Amino acid sequence: MTTRQKISAKQCAVLTVPDYPWTRDQDQLLIKEYYYRSVPALAQRLGRTPQAIYDRAHELHLIRRPGDYRLEYVAEGIGCHRTTLGRWAAAKHLRIHKRTGPNQRPRYVISDDALCKFFRDPTKRHLWQRF
């Protein structure tokens, strides 16, 4: 009879998925090709899992559609909270689009055109100038 040792799911994950840091070359390749290649193809090319690709893209502030900016990154760039952007959208000052993320959760983005239009409109300058 053989004896089996019980291995927890956490130990199994540690045994099967090595954790090694991203190199600069891998980051540059991900930034360059994330918009145009599929995630499974990138995962295979970089020797990572698709979830690792999504996680690293999130850390690097990448999105799948060029020209769209995630709400939290725009708020961080302006220096306000994302709920402030939501209030501006509710008041029809700024147009926000709802997209579905990789895990089917809604993700709110602002298109490049909408952001430029908002900042160039002199009647809306009083909203963002205080930040």
N, C-alpha and C. Protein backbone atom coordinates (compact mmCIF):
# COMPACT_ATOMS: atom_id res chain seq x y z
N MET A 1 0.83 -1.18 0.00
CA MET A 1 0.00 0.00 0.00
C MET A 1 0.87 1.25 0.00
N THR A 2 0.44 2.20 -0.73
CA THR A 2 1.17 3.46 -0.75
C THR A 2 0.46 4.46 0.14
N THR A 3 1.24 5.28 0.74
CA THR A 3 0.64 6.33 1.58
C THR A 3 0.66 7.64 0.80
N ARG A 4 -0.42 8.35 0.91
CA ARG A 4 -0.52 9.65 0.24
C ARG A 4 -0.48 10.75 1.27
N GLN A 5 0.25 11.76 0.92
CA GLN A 5 0.33 12.91 1.81
C GLN A 5 -0.70 13.93 1.33
N LYS A 6 -1.46 14.47 2.27
CA LYS A 6 -2.45 15.48 1.90
C LYS A 6 -1.75 16.79 1.60
N ILE A 7 -2.11 17.36 0.47
CA ILE A 7 -1.55 18.65 0.06
C ILE A 7 -2.70 19.63 -0.08
N SER A 8 -2.58 20.74 0.59
CA SER A 8 -3.65 21.75 0.50
C SER A 8 -3.59 22.45 -0.85
N ALA A 9 -4.67 23.16 -1.16
CA ALA A 9 -4.74 23.88 -2.44
C ALA A 9 -3.66 24.94 -2.51
N LYS A 10 -3.38 25.58 -1.39
CA LYS A 10 -2.34 26.62 -1.37
C LYS A 10 -0.97 26.03 -1.67
N GLN A 11 -0.67 24.88 -1.07
CA GLN A 11 0.60 24.22 -1.34
C GLN A 11 0.68 23.77 -2.79
N CYS A 12 -0.42 23.31 -3.33
CA CYS A 12 -0.46 22.86 -4.71
C CYS A 12 -0.19 24.02 -5.66
N ALA A 13 -0.79 25.16 -5.37
CA ALA A 13 -0.57 26.34 -6.21
C ALA A 13 0.89 26.78 -6.15
N VAL A 14 1.47 26.69 -4.97
CA VAL A 14 2.87 27.07 -4.82
C VAL A 14 3.76 26.10 -5.59
N LEU A 15 3.37 24.83 -5.60
CA LEU A 15 4.19 23.84 -6.30
C LEU A 15 4.07 23.95 -7.81
N THR A 16 2.92 24.35 -8.32
CA THR A 16 2.71 24.33 -9.76
C THR A 16 2.97 25.66 -10.46
N VAL A 17 2.82 26.79 -9.76
CA VAL A 17 2.98 28.09 -10.40
C VAL A 17 4.16 28.81 -9.77
N PRO A 18 5.30 28.86 -10.47
CA PRO A 18 6.43 29.58 -9.89
C PRO A 18 6.17 31.08 -9.91
N ASP A 19 6.62 31.74 -8.87
CA ASP A 19 6.44 33.18 -8.77
C ASP A 19 7.79 33.83 -9.05
N TYR A 20 7.92 34.40 -10.23
CA TYR A 20 9.15 35.09 -10.55
C TYR A 20 8.81 36.48 -11.07
N PRO A 21 9.66 37.44 -10.79
CA PRO A 21 9.35 38.82 -11.13
C PRO A 21 9.34 39.07 -12.63
N TRP A 22 8.60 40.10 -13.01
CA TRP A 22 8.53 40.51 -14.41
C TRP A 22 9.81 41.26 -14.76
N THR A 23 10.34 40.96 -15.93
CA THR A 23 11.53 41.68 -16.39
C THR A 23 11.10 42.92 -17.15
N ARG A 24 12.03 43.82 -17.36
CA ARG A 24 11.74 45.04 -18.11
C ARG A 24 11.35 44.71 -19.56
N ASP A 25 12.02 43.71 -20.15
CA ASP A 25 11.69 43.31 -21.52
C ASP A 25 10.27 42.76 -21.62
N GLN A 26 9.87 41.97 -20.62
CA GLN A 26 8.50 41.44 -20.61
C GLN A 26 7.48 42.56 -20.47
N ASP A 27 7.76 43.52 -19.59
CA ASP A 27 6.86 44.67 -19.43
C ASP A 27 6.73 45.45 -20.73
N GLN A 28 7.85 45.70 -21.40
CA GLN A 28 7.82 46.46 -22.66
C GLN A 28 7.04 45.71 -23.73
N LEU A 29 7.21 44.40 -23.80
CA LEU A 29 6.46 43.61 -24.77
C LEU A 29 4.97 43.64 -24.45
N LEU A 30 4.63 43.55 -23.18
CA LEU A 30 3.22 43.61 -22.78
C LEU A 30 2.61 44.96 -23.12
N ILE A 31 3.32 46.04 -22.83
CA ILE A 31 2.82 47.39 -23.14
C ILE A 31 2.63 47.55 -24.65
N LYS A 32 3.58 47.04 -25.42
CA LYS A 32 3.54 47.20 -26.88
C LYS A 32 2.42 46.39 -27.52
N GLU A 33 2.17 45.17 -27.02
CA GLU A 33 1.28 44.25 -27.73
C GLU A 33 -0.04 43.95 -27.03
N TYR A 34 -0.28 44.54 -25.87
CA TYR A 34 -1.50 44.22 -25.12
C TYR A 34 -2.76 44.62 -25.88
N TYR A 35 -2.71 45.70 -26.63
CA TYR A 35 -3.88 46.18 -27.36
C TYR A 35 -4.20 45.30 -28.57
N TYR A 36 -3.20 44.64 -29.14
CA TYR A 36 -3.37 44.00 -30.43
C TYR A 36 -3.39 42.47 -30.39
N ARG A 37 -2.80 41.88 -29.39
CA ARG A 37 -2.76 40.42 -29.30
C ARG A 37 -3.76 39.92 -28.27
N SER A 38 -4.16 38.69 -28.44
CA SER A 38 -5.06 38.09 -27.45
C SER A 38 -4.26 37.76 -26.18
N VAL A 39 -4.96 37.72 -25.07
CA VAL A 39 -4.30 37.44 -23.80
C VAL A 39 -3.71 36.02 -23.78
N PRO A 40 -4.42 35.00 -24.28
CA PRO A 40 -3.79 33.67 -24.29
C PRO A 40 -2.51 33.62 -25.14
N ALA A 41 -2.48 34.35 -26.26
CA ALA A 41 -1.28 34.38 -27.10
C ALA A 41 -0.13 35.08 -26.37
N LEU A 42 -0.44 36.17 -25.67
CA LEU A 42 0.59 36.85 -24.88
C LEU A 42 1.08 35.97 -23.74
N ALA A 43 0.15 35.27 -23.10
CA ALA A 43 0.53 34.38 -21.99
C ALA A 43 1.48 33.29 -22.48
N GLN A 44 1.18 32.72 -23.63
CA GLN A 44 2.04 31.68 -24.18
C GLN A 44 3.41 32.25 -24.55
N ARG A 45 3.41 33.43 -25.16
CA ARG A 45 4.67 34.03 -25.60
C ARG A 45 5.56 34.41 -24.41
N LEU A 46 4.94 34.88 -23.33
CA LEU A 46 5.71 35.32 -22.16
C LEU A 46 5.93 34.22 -21.13
N GLY A 47 5.29 33.06 -21.33
CA GLY A 47 5.44 31.97 -20.38
C GLY A 47 4.73 32.24 -19.06
N ARG A 48 3.59 32.90 -19.14
CA ARG A 48 2.79 33.25 -17.96
C ARG A 48 1.38 32.71 -18.15
N THR A 49 0.60 32.78 -17.09
CA THR A 49 -0.81 32.41 -17.20
C THR A 49 -1.60 33.62 -17.69
N PRO A 50 -2.77 33.39 -18.29
CA PRO A 50 -3.60 34.53 -18.70
C PRO A 50 -3.95 35.45 -17.53
N GLN A 51 -4.19 34.88 -16.35
CA GLN A 51 -4.50 35.71 -15.19
C GLN A 51 -3.31 36.58 -14.81
N ALA A 52 -2.10 36.07 -14.96
CA ALA A 52 -0.90 36.87 -14.68
C ALA A 52 -0.79 38.03 -15.65
N ILE A 53 -1.19 37.80 -16.90
CA ILE A 53 -1.18 38.88 -17.91
C ILE A 53 -2.18 39.96 -17.51
N TYR A 54 -3.39 39.56 -17.12
CA TYR A 54 -4.41 40.54 -16.70
C TYR A 54 -3.94 41.31 -15.46
N ASP A 55 -3.35 40.60 -14.50
CA ASP A 55 -2.88 41.25 -13.28
C ASP A 55 -1.79 42.27 -13.56
N ARG A 56 -0.83 41.90 -14.41
CA ARG A 56 0.27 42.81 -14.72
C ARG A 56 -0.23 44.00 -15.55
N ALA A 57 -1.15 43.75 -16.46
CA ALA A 57 -1.73 44.85 -17.25
C ALA A 57 -2.44 45.83 -16.33
N HIS A 58 -3.11 45.32 -15.31
CA HIS A 58 -3.77 46.20 -14.35
C HIS A 58 -2.74 47.03 -13.57
N GLU A 59 -1.65 46.40 -13.17
CA GLU A 59 -0.59 47.12 -12.45
C GLU A 59 0.05 48.20 -13.32
N LEU A 60 0.14 47.94 -14.63
CA LEU A 60 0.74 48.90 -15.55
C LEU A 60 -0.28 49.89 -16.11
N HIS A 61 -1.52 49.82 -15.63
CA HIS A 61 -2.60 50.72 -16.06
C HIS A 61 -2.93 50.57 -17.55
N LEU A 62 -2.88 49.36 -18.06
CA LEU A 62 -3.19 49.10 -19.47
C LEU A 62 -4.66 48.71 -19.60
N ILE A 63 -5.26 49.08 -20.71
CA ILE A 63 -6.61 48.64 -21.02
C ILE A 63 -6.62 48.09 -22.44
N ARG A 64 -7.63 47.31 -22.76
CA ARG A 64 -7.68 46.64 -24.06
C ARG A 64 -8.05 47.56 -25.21
N ARG A 65 -8.70 48.65 -24.94
CA ARG A 65 -9.11 49.56 -26.01
C ARG A 65 -8.26 50.83 -25.96
N PRO A 66 -7.39 51.03 -26.95
CA PRO A 66 -6.63 52.27 -26.93
C PRO A 66 -7.56 53.47 -27.10
N GLY A 67 -7.27 54.54 -26.42
CA GLY A 67 -8.11 55.73 -26.51
C GLY A 67 -9.12 55.83 -25.39
N ASP A 68 -9.20 54.81 -24.55
CA ASP A 68 -10.08 54.84 -23.38
C ASP A 68 -9.23 54.91 -22.13
N TYR A 69 -9.70 55.66 -21.14
CA TYR A 69 -8.99 55.80 -19.88
C TYR A 69 -9.90 55.35 -18.76
N ARG A 70 -9.38 54.52 -17.86
CA ARG A 70 -10.18 54.07 -16.73
C ARG A 70 -10.44 55.23 -15.80
N LEU A 71 -11.61 55.23 -15.23
CA LEU A 71 -12.08 56.34 -14.40
C LEU A 71 -11.14 56.66 -13.25
N GLU A 72 -10.66 55.63 -12.57
CA GLU A 72 -9.80 55.88 -11.41
C GLU A 72 -8.46 56.50 -11.80
N TYR A 73 -7.97 56.20 -13.01
CA TYR A 73 -6.70 56.78 -13.44
C TYR A 73 -6.86 58.24 -13.86
N VAL A 74 -8.00 58.56 -14.45
CA VAL A 74 -8.27 59.96 -14.80
C VAL A 74 -8.41 60.77 -13.52
N ALA A 75 -9.13 60.23 -12.55
CA ALA A 75 -9.30 60.94 -11.27
C ALA A 75 -7.95 61.15 -10.59
N GLU A 76 -7.10 60.14 -10.63
CA GLU A 76 -5.78 60.26 -10.03
C GLU A 76 -4.95 61.33 -10.76
N GLY A 77 -5.06 61.37 -12.08
CA GLY A 77 -4.32 62.36 -12.86
C GLY A 77 -4.78 63.78 -12.61
N ILE A 78 -6.08 63.97 -12.44
CA ILE A 78 -6.62 65.30 -12.18
C ILE A 78 -6.37 65.70 -10.73
N GLY A 79 -6.43 64.71 -9.85
CA GLY A 79 -6.25 64.99 -8.42
C GLY A 79 -7.57 65.06 -7.68
N CYS A 80 -8.58 64.37 -8.20
CA CYS A 80 -9.87 64.34 -7.52
C CYS A 80 -10.26 62.89 -7.28
N HIS A 81 -11.40 62.68 -6.65
CA HIS A 81 -11.89 61.32 -6.40
C HIS A 81 -12.75 60.88 -7.58
N ARG A 82 -12.82 59.57 -7.81
CA ARG A 82 -13.60 59.09 -8.97
C ARG A 82 -15.09 59.37 -8.83
N THR A 83 -15.59 59.52 -7.61
CA THR A 83 -17.00 59.87 -7.45
C THR A 83 -17.28 61.28 -7.95
N THR A 84 -16.26 62.15 -7.91
CA THR A 84 -16.41 63.49 -8.48
C THR A 84 -16.64 63.39 -9.98
N LEU A 85 -15.90 62.51 -10.64
CA LEU A 85 -16.11 62.31 -12.07
C LEU A 85 -17.51 61.75 -12.33
N GLY A 86 -17.97 60.88 -11.44
CA GLY A 86 -19.32 60.34 -11.56
C GLY A 86 -20.38 61.42 -11.43
N ARG A 87 -20.16 62.37 -10.53
CA ARG A 87 -21.10 63.49 -10.39
C ARG A 87 -21.10 64.37 -11.65
N TRP A 88 -19.92 64.60 -12.20
CA TRP A 88 -19.84 65.38 -13.44
C TRP A 88 -20.56 64.67 -14.57
N ALA A 89 -20.45 63.35 -14.60
CA ALA A 89 -21.14 62.57 -15.64
C ALA A 89 -22.65 62.63 -15.43
N ALA A 90 -23.10 62.54 -14.17
CA ALA A 90 -24.53 62.61 -13.88
C ALA A 90 -25.11 63.97 -14.25
N ALA A 91 -24.29 65.02 -14.13
CA ALA A 91 -24.74 66.37 -14.49
C ALA A 91 -24.54 66.65 -15.98
N LYS A 92 -24.15 65.64 -16.76
CA LYS A 92 -23.96 65.74 -18.21
C LYS A 92 -22.79 66.64 -18.60
N HIS A 93 -21.83 66.82 -17.71
CA HIS A 93 -20.64 67.58 -18.05
C HIS A 93 -19.59 66.71 -18.73
N LEU A 94 -19.58 65.44 -18.39
CA LEU A 94 -18.56 64.51 -18.87
C LEU A 94 -19.23 63.21 -19.26
N ARG A 95 -18.82 62.63 -20.38
CA ARG A 95 -19.43 61.39 -20.85
C ARG A 95 -18.57 60.20 -20.43
N ILE A 96 -19.18 59.27 -19.72
CA ILE A 96 -18.50 58.06 -19.25
C ILE A 96 -19.15 56.85 -19.90
N HIS A 97 -18.33 55.90 -20.34
CA HIS A 97 -18.83 54.68 -20.97
C HIS A 97 -18.68 53.50 -20.02
N LYS A 98 -19.62 52.59 -20.08
CA LYS A 98 -19.56 51.38 -19.27
C LYS A 98 -19.10 50.23 -20.16
N ARG A 99 -18.00 49.62 -19.80
CA ARG A 99 -17.47 48.48 -20.54
C ARG A 99 -17.43 47.27 -19.62
N THR A 100 -17.33 46.11 -20.19
CA THR A 100 -17.22 44.89 -19.41
C THR A 100 -15.76 44.48 -19.35
N GLY A 101 -15.26 44.27 -18.15
CA GLY A 101 -13.86 43.88 -17.95
C GLY A 101 -13.66 42.41 -18.24
N PRO A 102 -12.43 41.92 -18.08
CA PRO A 102 -12.14 40.52 -18.38
C PRO A 102 -12.87 39.54 -17.48
N ASN A 103 -13.26 39.96 -16.30
CA ASN A 103 -13.98 39.07 -15.39
C ASN A 103 -15.47 39.37 -15.37
N GLN A 104 -15.97 40.00 -16.43
CA GLN A 104 -17.39 40.32 -16.64
C GLN A 104 -17.92 41.36 -15.67
N ARG A 105 -17.06 42.02 -14.90
CA ARG A 105 -17.50 43.10 -14.04
C ARG A 105 -17.51 44.39 -14.84
N PRO A 106 -18.44 45.28 -14.55
CA PRO A 106 -18.46 46.54 -15.30
C PRO A 106 -17.24 47.40 -14.96
N ARG A 107 -16.73 48.05 -15.96
CA ARG A 107 -15.60 48.95 -15.80
C ARG A 107 -15.96 50.25 -16.51
N TYR A 108 -15.76 51.35 -15.85
CA TYR A 108 -16.14 52.63 -16.40
C TYR A 108 -14.92 53.33 -16.98
N VAL A 109 -15.06 53.81 -18.21
CA VAL A 109 -13.95 54.45 -18.90
C VAL A 109 -14.42 55.77 -19.51
N ILE A 110 -13.45 56.61 -19.79
CA ILE A 110 -13.70 57.88 -20.47
C ILE A 110 -12.91 57.84 -21.77
N SER A 111 -13.57 58.13 -22.87
CA SER A 111 -12.87 58.11 -24.14
C SER A 111 -11.96 59.33 -24.26
N ASP A 112 -10.97 59.21 -25.10
CA ASP A 112 -10.03 60.30 -25.32
C ASP A 112 -10.74 61.54 -25.84
N ASP A 113 -11.69 61.34 -26.76
CA ASP A 113 -12.45 62.47 -27.32
C ASP A 113 -13.27 63.18 -26.26
N ALA A 114 -13.95 62.41 -25.41
CA ALA A 114 -14.78 63.02 -24.37
C ALA A 114 -13.93 63.80 -23.37
N LEU A 115 -12.76 63.26 -23.05
CA LEU A 115 -11.88 63.95 -22.10
C LEU A 115 -11.35 65.26 -22.69
N CYS A 116 -10.93 65.22 -23.95
CA CYS A 116 -10.44 66.45 -24.60
C CYS A 116 -11.55 67.49 -24.71
N LYS A 117 -12.74 67.03 -25.07
CA LYS A 117 -13.87 67.95 -25.19
C LYS A 117 -14.19 68.60 -23.84
N PHE A 118 -14.12 67.82 -22.77
CA PHE A 118 -14.39 68.33 -21.44
C PHE A 118 -13.37 69.40 -21.03
N PHE A 119 -12.09 69.12 -21.27
CA PHE A 119 -11.05 70.07 -20.86
C PHE A 119 -11.00 71.32 -21.74
N ARG A 120 -11.42 71.21 -22.98
CA ARG A 120 -11.37 72.37 -23.88
C ARG A 120 -12.58 73.28 -23.76
N ASP A 121 -13.65 72.79 -23.17
CA ASP A 121 -14.87 73.58 -23.06
C ASP A 121 -14.70 74.65 -21.98
N PRO A 122 -14.73 75.94 -22.34
CA PRO A 122 -14.52 76.99 -21.33
C PRO A 122 -15.63 77.06 -20.29
N THR A 123 -16.83 76.58 -20.61
CA THR A 123 -17.92 76.62 -19.64
C THR A 123 -17.76 75.57 -18.54
N LYS A 124 -16.90 74.60 -18.76
CA LYS A 124 -16.68 73.54 -17.77
C LYS A 124 -15.36 73.71 -17.02
N ARG A 125 -14.63 74.76 -17.35
CA ARG A 125 -13.31 74.98 -16.75
C ARG A 125 -13.40 75.14 -15.22
N HIS A 126 -14.47 75.76 -14.77
CA HIS A 126 -14.60 75.98 -13.32
C HIS A 126 -14.70 74.67 -12.53
N LEU A 127 -15.10 73.58 -13.19
CA LEU A 127 -15.24 72.30 -12.50
C LEU A 127 -13.89 71.69 -12.14
N TRP A 128 -12.98 71.70 -13.08
CA TRP A 128 -11.70 70.99 -12.86
C TRP A 128 -10.53 71.91 -12.52
N GLN A 129 -10.69 73.22 -12.68
CA GLN A 129 -9.56 74.11 -12.47
C GLN A 129 -9.12 74.18 -11.01
N ARG A 130 -10.02 73.92 -10.09
CA ARG A 130 -9.65 73.99 -8.68
C ARG A 130 -8.79 72.83 -8.23
N PHE A 131 -8.71 71.80 -9.05
CA PHE A 131 -7.87 70.65 -8.70
C PHE A 131 -6.51 70.93 -9.22
